[in-house]
């Protein structure tokens, strides 16, 4: 998804685009989209959102590695270096 959004500039908010991206990963786009609509997924998204807020996340893409925060596509090189260390 991040590659489609940030590198390929695709509209990941469009359901047809999402299905195509999902299918490109070898998954059933319709099944994945349907699963995303399940009530328990709304609760999971809320849990993940709360966790992100608690970690100080304020945008996307955003990475927290060993408590260090990296925000923005232009910081991916720093993320790579941190992970390699």
C-alpha atoms as a PDB file:
ATOM      1  CA  UNK A   1       0.000   0.000   0.000  1.00  0.00           C
ATOM      2  CA  UNK A   2       2.733   2.455   0.894  1.00  0.00           C
ATOM      3  CA  UNK A   3       4.499   1.808  -2.389  1.00  0.00           C
ATOM      4  CA  UNK A   4       1.257   2.300  -4.313  1.00  0.00           C
ATOM      5  CA  UNK A   5       0.510   5.510  -2.425  1.00  0.00           C
ATOM      6  CA  UNK A   6       3.913   7.162  -2.161  1.00  0.00           C
ATOM      7  CA  UNK A   7       5.869   5.786  -5.119  1.00  0.00           C
ATOM      8  CA  UNK A   8       3.203   5.109  -7.717  1.00  0.00           C
ATOM      9  CA  UNK A   9       0.915   7.980  -6.608  1.00  0.00           C
ATOM     10  CA  UNK A  10      -2.181   5.756  -6.695  1.00  0.00           C
ATOM     11  CA  UNK A  11      -5.451   6.787  -5.067  1.00  0.00           C
ATOM     12  CA  UNK A  12      -5.599   4.233  -2.250  1.00  0.00           C
ATOM     13  CA  UNK A  13      -8.882   5.763  -1.100  1.00  0.00           C
ATOM     14  CA  UNK A  14     -10.615   4.434  -4.206  1.00  0.00           C
ATOM     15  CA  UNK A  15     -12.111   0.930  -3.670  1.00  0.00           C
ATOM     16  CA  UNK A  16     -11.412  -0.197  -7.253  1.00  0.00           C
ATOM     17  CA  UNK A  17      -7.778   0.887  -6.918  1.00  0.00           C
ATOM     18  CA  UNK A  18      -7.501  -0.916  -3.587  1.00  0.00           C
ATOM     19  CA  UNK A  19      -8.877  -4.117  -5.092  1.00  0.00           C
ATOM     20  CA  UNK A  20      -6.346  -3.905  -7.928  1.00  0.00           C
ATOM     21  CA  UNK A  21      -3.456  -3.381  -5.493  1.00  0.00           C
ATOM     22  CA  UNK A  22      -4.633  -6.301  -3.368  1.00  0.00           C
ATOM     23  CA  UNK A  23      -4.975  -8.500  -6.438  1.00  0.00           C
ATOM     24  CA  UNK A  24      -1.461  -7.467  -7.477  1.00  0.00           C
ATOM     25  CA  UNK A  25      -0.247  -8.990  -4.198  1.00  0.00           C
ATOM     26  CA  UNK A  26      -1.823 -12.303  -5.172  1.00  0.00           C
ATOM     27  CA  UNK A  27      -4.853 -11.976  -2.899  1.00  0.00           C
ATOM     28  CA  UNK A  28      -8.597 -11.955  -3.606  1.00  0.00           C
ATOM     29  CA  UNK A  29      -9.459  -8.242  -3.683  1.00  0.00           C
ATOM     30  CA  UNK A  30     -13.177  -8.746  -3.066  1.00  0.00           C
ATOM     31  CA  UNK A  31     -12.574 -11.081  -0.105  1.00  0.00           C
ATOM     32  CA  UNK A  32     -10.033  -8.741   1.498  1.00  0.00           C
ATOM     33  CA  UNK A  33     -12.292  -5.707   1.047  1.00  0.00           C
ATOM     34  CA  UNK A  34     -15.236  -7.616   2.556  1.00  0.00           C
ATOM     35  CA  UNK A  35     -13.102  -8.743   5.514  1.00  0.00           C
ATOM     36  CA  UNK A  36     -12.129  -5.105   6.107  1.00  0.00           C
ATOM     37  CA  UNK A  37     -15.793  -4.224   6.603  1.00  0.00           C
ATOM     38  CA  UNK A  38     -16.309  -6.731   9.440  1.00  0.00           C
ATOM     39  CA  UNK A  39     -17.217  -5.140  12.813  1.00  0.00           C
ATOM     40  CA  UNK A  40     -14.207  -6.659  14.560  1.00  0.00           C
ATOM     41  CA  UNK A  41     -11.960  -4.886  12.035  1.00  0.00           C
ATOM     42  CA  UNK A  42     -13.359  -1.515  13.108  1.00  0.00           C
ATOM     43  CA  UNK A  43     -12.369  -2.364  16.687  1.00  0.00           C
ATOM     44  CA  UNK A  44      -8.898  -3.440  15.525  1.00  0.00           C
ATOM     45  CA  UNK A  45      -8.437  -0.195  13.561  1.00  0.00           C
ATOM     46  CA  UNK A  46      -9.435   1.766  16.670  1.00  0.00           C
ATOM     47  CA  UNK A  47      -6.899  -0.209  18.731  1.00  0.00           C
ATOM     48  CA  UNK A  48      -4.134   0.431  16.195  1.00  0.00           C
ATOM     49  CA  UNK A  49      -5.058   4.116  15.976  1.00  0.00           C
ATOM     50  CA  UNK A  50      -4.884   4.471  19.761  1.00  0.00           C
ATOM     51  CA  UNK A  51      -1.505   2.705  19.810  1.00  0.00           C
ATOM     52  CA  UNK A  52      -0.180   5.023  17.079  1.00  0.00           C
ATOM     53  CA  UNK A  53      -1.336   8.116  18.971  1.00  0.00           C
ATOM     54  CA  UNK A  54       0.278   6.787  22.145  1.00  0.00           C
ATOM     55  CA  UNK A  55       3.556   6.376  20.212  1.00  0.00           C
ATOM     56  CA  UNK A  56       3.396   9.990  18.996  1.00  0.00           C
ATOM     57  CA  UNK A  57       2.514   9.164  15.389  1.00  0.00           C
ATOM     58  CA  UNK A  58       1.147  12.204  13.558  1.00  0.00           C
ATOM     59  CA  UNK A  59       1.378  11.429   9.844  1.00  0.00           C
ATOM     60  CA  UNK A  60       2.216   8.829   7.243  1.00  0.00           C
ATOM     61  CA  UNK A  61       4.432   7.164   6.510  1.00  0.00           C
ATOM     62  CA  UNK A  62       5.646   7.017  10.090  1.00  0.00           C
ATOM     63  CA  UNK A  63       7.974   4.487  11.694  1.00  0.00           C
ATOM     64  CA  UNK A  64       8.896   4.006  15.338  1.00  0.00           C
ATOM     65  CA  UNK A  65      12.017   1.879  15.815  1.00  0.00           C
ATOM     66  CA  UNK A  66      13.393   1.394  19.323  1.00  0.00           C
ATOM     67  CA  UNK A  67      11.494   4.502  20.384  1.00  0.00           C
ATOM     68  CA  UNK A  68      13.011   6.659  17.631  1.00  0.00           C
ATOM     69  CA  UNK A  69      10.487   8.283  15.290  1.00  0.00           C
ATOM     70  CA  UNK A  70      10.838   8.674  11.533  1.00  0.00           C
ATOM     71  CA  UNK A  71       8.207  10.596   9.590  1.00  0.00           C
ATOM     72  CA  UNK A  72       7.921  10.984   5.844  1.00  0.00           C
ATOM     73  CA  UNK A  73       9.054   9.219   2.721  1.00  0.00           C
ATOM     74  CA  UNK A  74      12.233  11.281   2.658  1.00  0.00           C
ATOM     75  CA  UNK A  75      13.254   9.600   5.944  1.00  0.00           C
ATOM     76  CA  UNK A  76      13.215   6.033   4.585  1.00  0.00           C
ATOM     77  CA  UNK A  77      17.006   6.084   4.189  1.00  0.00           C
ATOM     78  CA  UNK A  78      17.272   6.813   7.922  1.00  0.00           C
ATOM     79  CA  UNK A  79      14.877   3.933   8.633  1.00  0.00           C
ATOM     80  CA  UNK A  80      17.076   1.615   6.568  1.00  0.00           C
ATOM     81  CA  UNK A  81      20.181   2.708   8.482  1.00  0.00           C
ATOM     82  CA  UNK A  82      18.469   2.263  11.838  1.00  0.00           C
ATOM     83  CA  UNK A  83      17.284  -1.232  10.932  1.00  0.00           C
ATOM     84  CA  UNK A  84      20.752  -2.193   9.661  1.00  0.00           C
ATOM     85  CA  UNK A  85      22.430  -1.046  12.896  1.00  0.00           C
END
